[in-house]
Protein backbone atom coordinates (compact mmCIF):
# COMPACT_ATOMS: atom_id res chain seq x y z
CA MET A 1 9.15 -3.47 10.53
CA LYS A 2 6.06 -5.60 11.07
CA HIS A 3 6.81 -9.30 11.32
CA PRO A 4 5.09 -11.39 8.62
CA ASP A 5 3.18 -13.30 11.30
CA ALA A 6 2.11 -10.20 13.23
CA ASP A 7 -1.25 -8.46 13.44
CA PRO A 8 -3.31 -7.57 10.36
CA LEU A 9 -2.18 -4.75 8.13
CA SER A 10 -2.96 -1.27 9.45
CA TYR A 11 -3.27 2.16 7.89
CA SER A 12 -0.12 3.20 9.78
CA ASP A 13 1.80 0.53 7.80
CA ILE A 14 0.57 2.19 4.61
CA SER A 15 1.43 5.68 5.87
CA ASP A 16 4.96 4.47 6.62
CA ALA A 17 5.18 3.03 3.11
CA THR A 18 3.99 6.32 1.60
CA GLU A 19 6.85 8.17 3.30
CA ARG A 20 9.38 5.48 2.41
CA ILE A 21 8.66 5.38 -1.33
CA ALA A 22 7.82 9.07 -1.86
CA GLY A 23 9.44 10.25 -5.09
CA ARG A 24 10.46 6.71 -6.04
CA VAL A 25 7.24 5.64 -7.77
CA ARG A 26 4.98 7.38 -10.26
CA PRO A 27 1.78 8.94 -8.89
CA VAL A 28 -1.12 7.18 -10.52
CA THR A 29 -3.12 8.85 -13.27
CA VAL A 30 -6.87 8.60 -12.71
CA THR A 31 -9.11 9.34 -15.65
CA PRO A 32 -12.90 9.62 -15.78
CA ALA A 33 -14.20 7.02 -18.19
CA GLU A 34 -17.82 8.08 -18.63
CA ARG A 35 -21.17 8.04 -16.95
CA VAL A 36 -22.43 4.51 -17.41
CA GLU A 37 -26.05 3.49 -17.55
CA LYS A 38 -26.83 1.11 -14.73
CA PRO A 39 -28.21 -2.20 -16.06
CA GLY A 40 -31.82 -2.82 -15.18
CA ALA A 41 -32.50 0.61 -13.69
CA SER A 42 -33.06 4.21 -14.69
CA GLY A 43 -29.86 5.95 -13.62
CA GLU A 44 -26.12 6.09 -14.07
CA TYR A 45 -22.91 5.64 -12.12
CA ASP A 46 -19.55 7.35 -12.55
CA LEU A 47 -16.69 5.19 -13.79
CA HIS A 48 -13.00 6.07 -13.38
CA PHE A 49 -9.84 4.19 -14.34
CA ALA A 50 -6.68 4.21 -12.21
CA LEU A 51 -3.95 3.76 -14.83
CA GLU A 52 -1.48 1.94 -12.61
CA TYR A 53 -0.18 -0.01 -15.60
CA MET A 54 1.80 3.19 -16.33
CA GLN A 55 3.79 2.58 -13.15
CA TYR A 56 7.52 1.78 -13.30
CA THR A 57 8.03 -1.78 -14.67
CA GLY A 58 4.45 -1.77 -16.00
CA SER A 59 2.50 -2.73 -12.89
CA PHE A 60 1.53 -1.77 -9.35
CA LYS A 61 4.19 -4.16 -8.06
CA ALA A 62 6.79 -1.37 -8.12
CA ARG A 63 5.20 0.12 -4.99
CA GLY A 64 5.60 -2.97 -2.85
CA ALA A 65 9.08 -3.76 -4.18
CA GLN A 66 10.33 -0.29 -3.32
CA ASN A 67 8.81 -0.42 0.15
CA PHE A 68 10.19 -3.89 0.88
CA LEU A 69 13.73 -3.20 -0.24
CA ARG A 70 13.96 0.35 1.14
CA ALA A 71 12.74 -0.83 4.55
CA HIS A 72 15.34 -3.61 4.69
CA HIS A 73 18.05 -1.29 3.39
CA ALA A 74 17.29 1.28 6.10
CA ALA A 75 17.43 -1.46 8.73
CA GLY A 76 20.79 -2.77 7.44
CA MET A 77 19.17 -6.08 6.54
CA LEU A 78 20.21 -6.51 2.90
CA PRO A 79 22.73 -9.40 2.73
CA ASP A 80 25.66 -9.59 0.33
CA ALA A 81 23.82 -12.33 -1.56
CA GLY A 82 21.11 -9.80 -2.42
CA VAL A 83 17.42 -10.52 -2.78
CA THR A 84 15.51 -13.38 -4.38
CA ILE A 85 11.88 -13.78 -5.31
CA ALA A 86 9.51 -16.13 -7.13
CA SER A 87 7.12 -14.48 -9.53
CA GLY A 88 4.70 -14.92 -12.38
CA GLY A 89 6.60 -12.04 -13.96
CA ASN A 90 5.44 -8.68 -12.66
CA THR A 91 6.80 -8.98 -9.13
CA GLY A 92 10.11 -10.19 -10.48
CA LEU A 93 10.31 -7.17 -12.73
CA ALA A 94 9.56 -4.81 -9.85
CA CYS A 95 12.00 -6.53 -7.49
CA ALA A 96 14.81 -6.51 -10.07
CA TRP A 97 14.18 -2.83 -10.84
CA ALA A 98 14.14 -1.79 -7.17
CA ALA A 99 17.22 -3.90 -6.41
CA GLN A 100 19.10 -2.42 -9.36
CA GLU A 101 18.36 1.08 -8.06
CA LEU A 102 19.96 0.13 -4.75
CA GLY A 103 22.90 -1.67 -6.37
CA VAL A 104 21.75 -4.98 -4.89
CA ALA A 105 22.01 -8.37 -6.62
CA SER A 106 18.71 -10.08 -7.45
CA THR A 107 17.74 -13.61 -8.49
CA VAL A 108 14.24 -14.12 -9.84
CA PHE A 109 12.52 -17.51 -10.25
CA LEU A 110 9.67 -17.80 -12.78
CA PRO A 111 7.65 -20.75 -14.04
CA THR A 112 8.43 -21.77 -17.61
CA THR A 113 4.87 -20.76 -18.52
CA ALA A 114 5.51 -17.07 -17.70
CA PRO A 115 4.72 -14.85 -20.71
CA THR A 116 7.67 -14.31 -23.02
CA VAL A 117 7.17 -10.55 -22.90
CA LYS A 118 7.74 -10.59 -19.13
CA ILE A 119 10.78 -12.87 -19.32
CA GLU A 120 12.40 -10.74 -22.03
CA ARG A 121 11.74 -7.52 -20.16
CA LEU A 122 13.10 -9.02 -16.94
CA ARG A 123 16.34 -9.96 -18.67
CA SER A 124 16.84 -6.30 -19.57
CA TYR A 125 17.65 -5.68 -15.88
CA ASP A 126 20.79 -6.71 -14.03
CA VAL A 127 19.22 -9.90 -12.67
CA ASP A 128 19.75 -13.66 -12.63
CA VAL A 129 16.62 -15.22 -14.19
CA GLN A 130 15.77 -18.84 -13.36
CA LEU A 131 12.88 -20.67 -15.08
CA VAL A 132 11.53 -23.55 -12.98
CA GLY A 133 8.38 -25.69 -13.20
CA SER A 134 5.02 -24.88 -14.75
CA GLU A 135 3.35 -22.94 -11.92
CA TYR A 136 4.20 -20.14 -9.51
CA ALA A 137 4.31 -22.67 -6.65
CA ASP A 138 7.12 -24.57 -8.41
CA ALA A 139 9.16 -21.40 -8.87
CA ASN A 140 8.53 -20.45 -5.25
CA ALA A 141 9.84 -23.77 -3.95
CA ALA A 142 13.05 -23.32 -5.96
CA CYS A 143 13.35 -19.78 -4.68
CA GLN A 144 13.11 -20.97 -1.08
CA ASP A 145 15.82 -23.58 -1.69
CA PHE A 146 18.07 -20.93 -3.23
CA ALA A 147 17.57 -18.56 -0.31
CA ALA A 148 18.42 -21.31 2.19
CA THR A 149 21.71 -22.14 0.47
CA SER A 150 22.79 -18.64 -0.62
CA GLY A 151 21.69 -16.49 2.28
CA ALA A 152 19.76 -14.16 -0.05
CA LEU A 153 16.87 -12.16 1.40
CA THR A 154 13.58 -13.67 0.30
CA SER A 155 10.91 -11.30 -0.92
CA HIS A 156 7.41 -12.45 -1.82
CA ALA A 157 5.01 -11.72 -4.63
CA TYR A 158 2.19 -10.78 -2.24
CA ASP A 159 2.33 -12.43 1.20
CA ASN A 160 4.37 -9.85 3.09
CA PRO A 161 3.18 -6.77 5.04
CA LEU A 162 5.71 -4.47 3.38
CA ILE A 163 4.62 -5.61 -0.08
CA ALA A 164 0.93 -5.17 0.73
CA ALA A 165 1.47 -1.82 2.46
CA GLY A 166 3.36 -0.53 -0.56
CA ALA A 167 0.47 -1.53 -2.81
CA GLY A 168 -1.93 0.25 -0.47
CA THR A 169 -0.28 3.60 -1.16
CA LEU A 170 -2.31 3.60 -4.37
CA VAL A 171 -5.47 4.61 -2.48
CA ASP A 172 -4.35 8.06 -1.40
CA ASP A 173 -3.10 8.63 -4.95
CA ILE A 174 -6.60 7.84 -6.22
CA ARG A 175 -8.19 10.10 -3.61
CA THR A 176 -6.03 13.00 -4.81
CA HIS A 177 -7.93 12.82 -8.10
CA VAL A 178 -11.36 11.70 -6.84
CA PRO A 179 -11.69 12.66 -3.15
CA ASP A 180 -15.28 11.41 -2.95
CA ILE A 181 -14.68 8.01 -4.57
CA ASP A 182 -17.15 5.42 -3.25
CA THR A 183 -15.71 2.11 -4.47
CA ILE A 184 -12.37 0.78 -5.69
CA VAL A 185 -12.40 -2.41 -7.77
CA VAL A 186 -9.20 -4.50 -7.88
CA ALA A 187 -8.13 -7.82 -9.34
CA VAL A 188 -6.83 -10.47 -6.93
CA GLY A 189 -4.09 -13.04 -7.40
CA GLY A 190 -2.55 -13.78 -4.02
CA GLY A 191 -4.07 -10.67 -2.50
CA GLY A 192 -1.21 -8.25 -1.90
CA LEU A 193 -2.82 -5.42 -3.86
CA PHE A 194 -6.23 -6.11 -2.38
CA ALA A 195 -4.95 -6.29 1.22
CA GLY A 196 -3.22 -2.93 0.93
CA VAL A 197 -6.00 -1.20 -0.98
CA ALA A 198 -8.78 -2.56 1.23
CA THR A 199 -6.95 -1.55 4.41
CA ALA A 200 -6.36 2.01 3.20
CA ALA A 201 -9.84 2.28 1.67
CA ASP A 202 -11.52 1.12 4.87
CA HIS A 203 -9.64 3.82 6.79
CA HIS A 204 -11.23 6.41 4.49
CA GLY A 205 -14.71 4.85 4.43
CA ILE A 206 -14.36 3.57 0.86
CA GLN A 207 -15.67 0.21 -0.35
CA THR A 208 -13.35 -2.29 -2.03
CA VAL A 209 -14.38 -5.06 -4.42
CA ALA A 210 -12.01 -8.01 -4.87
CA VAL A 211 -12.37 -9.64 -8.29
CA GLU A 212 -11.01 -13.08 -9.21
CA PRO A 213 -11.34 -15.38 -12.22
CA ASP A 214 -13.73 -18.28 -11.66
CA GLY A 215 -10.87 -20.71 -12.24
CA SER A 216 -8.45 -18.99 -9.86
CA ALA A 217 -10.62 -17.72 -7.02
CA VAL A 218 -8.47 -18.62 -4.04
CA LEU A 219 -9.49 -15.64 -1.88
CA ASN A 220 -13.19 -16.13 -2.57
CA ALA A 221 -12.87 -19.83 -1.68
CA SER A 222 -10.93 -19.02 1.50
CA LEU A 223 -13.56 -16.47 2.54
CA ALA A 224 -16.27 -19.11 2.12
CA ALA A 225 -14.24 -21.61 4.14
CA GLY A 226 -13.38 -19.09 6.84
CA LYS A 227 -9.69 -19.96 6.56
CA LEU A 228 -6.89 -20.08 4.01
CA ILE A 229 -7.14 -23.04 1.67
CA ASP A 230 -5.28 -24.19 -1.43
CA ILE A 231 -7.02 -24.49 -4.79
CA PRO A 232 -6.04 -25.61 -8.31
CA VAL A 233 -5.49 -22.80 -10.81
CA ASN A 234 -7.02 -22.70 -14.29
CA SER A 235 -7.65 -19.29 -15.88
CA ILE A 236 -6.70 -17.16 -18.86
CA ALA A 237 -5.31 -14.71 -16.26
CA ALA A 238 -3.28 -17.29 -14.31
CA ASP A 239 0.10 -15.81 -15.27
CA SER A 240 -0.59 -12.90 -12.91
CA LEU A 241 -3.61 -14.15 -10.91
CA GLY A 242 -2.47 -17.71 -10.39
CA ALA A 243 -1.77 -18.13 -6.68
CA ARG A 244 -2.89 -21.42 -5.14
CA ARG A 245 -3.15 -19.79 -1.69
CA ALA A 246 -4.05 -16.23 -0.68
CA SER A 247 -2.33 -14.27 2.06
CA GLN A 248 -3.66 -14.00 5.60
CA TYR A 249 -3.61 -10.21 5.16
CA ALA A 250 -5.93 -10.51 2.17
CA LEU A 251 -8.31 -12.84 4.00
CA HIS A 252 -8.52 -10.43 6.91
CA ALA A 253 -9.11 -7.51 4.54
CA THR A 254 -11.92 -9.25 2.70
CA GLN A 255 -13.65 -9.88 6.04
CA LEU A 256 -13.97 -6.10 6.59
CA GLU A 257 -17.52 -4.75 6.27
CA SER A 258 -16.32 -2.38 3.55
CA SER A 259 -15.00 -5.27 1.39
CA SER A 260 -16.67 -7.76 -0.91
CA SER A 261 -15.44 -10.64 -3.05
CA ILE A 262 -16.76 -11.72 -6.46
CA THR A 263 -15.66 -13.90 -9.35
CA VAL A 264 -15.86 -13.47 -13.13
CA SER A 265 -15.62 -15.80 -16.09
CA ASP A 266 -12.67 -16.02 -18.46
CA GLY A 267 -15.06 -14.97 -21.20
CA ASP A 268 -15.85 -11.72 -19.40
CA ILE A 269 -12.12 -11.12 -18.82
CA ILE A 270 -11.32 -11.62 -22.50
CA ARG A 271 -14.13 -9.27 -23.53
CA ALA A 272 -13.12 -6.59 -21.04
CA ARG A 273 -9.51 -6.67 -22.25
CA ALA A 274 -10.53 -6.57 -25.90
CA ASN A 275 -12.95 -3.70 -25.27
CA LEU A 276 -10.31 -1.65 -23.49
CA TRP A 277 -8.18 -1.91 -26.61
CA LYS A 278 -11.00 -1.43 -29.09
CA ASP A 279 -12.66 1.53 -27.37
CA ARG A 280 -9.71 3.26 -25.67
CA ARG A 281 -6.51 1.83 -27.12
CA ILE A 282 -5.47 0.63 -23.66
CA ALA A 283 -3.47 -2.61 -23.75
CA VAL A 284 -3.45 -4.45 -20.43
CA GLU A 285 -2.89 -7.96 -19.15
CA TYR A 286 -5.76 -10.36 -18.63
CA GLY A 287 -5.15 -9.91 -14.90
CA ALA A 288 -5.74 -6.17 -15.12
CA ALA A 289 -8.83 -6.64 -17.26
CA THR A 290 -10.26 -8.95 -14.57
CA ALA A 291 -11.16 -5.93 -12.42
CA LEU A 292 -13.08 -4.28 -15.25
CA ALA A 293 -14.79 -7.58 -16.10
CA ALA A 294 -16.66 -7.28 -12.79
CA LEU A 295 -18.75 -4.51 -14.32
CA GLU A 296 -20.05 -6.92 -16.94
CA GLY A 297 -22.64 -7.83 -14.33
CA ALA A 298 -20.97 -9.54 -11.35
CA TYR A 299 -20.81 -6.16 -9.62
CA VAL A 300 -23.66 -3.71 -10.29
CA PRO A 301 -22.95 -0.21 -8.90
CA SER A 302 -25.70 1.84 -7.34
CA VAL A 303 -27.12 4.83 -9.17
CA GLY A 304 -24.71 7.76 -8.73
CA GLU A 305 -21.93 5.57 -7.28
CA LYS A 306 -18.37 6.73 -8.05
CA VAL A 307 -16.39 3.63 -9.01
CA CYS A 308 -12.65 3.41 -9.72
CA VAL A 309 -11.35 0.34 -11.51
CA VAL A 310 -7.63 -0.27 -11.02
CA LEU A 311 -5.93 -1.28 -14.29
CA CYS A 312 -2.95 -2.78 -12.55
CA GLY A 313 -0.57 -4.12 -15.20
CA ALA A 314 0.31 -4.01 -18.89
CA ASN A 315 3.16 -6.46 -19.39
CA THR A 316 1.33 -8.24 -22.16
CA ASP A 317 1.78 -9.39 -25.72
CA PRO A 318 -0.11 -6.83 -27.84
CA THR A 319 -0.47 -9.30 -30.72
CA THR A 320 -3.05 -11.19 -28.63
CA LEU A 321 -5.36 -8.18 -28.67
């Protein structure tokens, strides 16, 4: 297994993940949305949705959780104390689900501000749920303390090569449906999904667009600074896109020539989520709608471009639609 401080993620890491989790996650459904008129020009682009919110546990996180735990299980590195993780909700769900499949104990730390729907769903698994602090960083600190005293294996919501490589398996799934896809648009929290997707996409000559809320744009800020930095978090999508610091893997991936980084307003995120429900009866989290919000104007596809927006999670309260 690649050490967390080793070289940047590679396509071989993603190929290994594909073999490791084969048959253990749901292949993504990709649906053509429509031909969309390009703003300000005579022409259209092709829009597709990758419905990854239909994945086990309701988000893409199942891919990384399976890869992480299966790799450690194969290496005989799962301790009796099990696995622990800090999460805004989705990663905890995926970790608990993957651990339960292996018969491994799991302890998940969440901030008290995590959405009730995620907490309730998490408690449906065989898992010890701990609510600590008001932000992901608070839950993560408690998780680290628990791991140090219990001996539990620490997983991570995004900053781990096995987690990112698992997420990257999504790209070849998308290519099965749309082999000539030009661009994949993904939302970014800490950058696990983006790091995996951008690495795999670059291997195939596909562009990747990283989209963050204006009030939680840690990867965009790090790219501008040329190094990882911490930022305050304030966004409607902060429950899933609320990392104060991005991963080194994500920063490297966004520096690829095939990658770009943009930000969108909370207003655009809210509208994109509402429109998905109104027009298509798709209910997703604000974090998932962030990717689609990019097409409100922050990212303008070229005429004829084939664009796939990843709708990455749907653990949301439908009454807020």
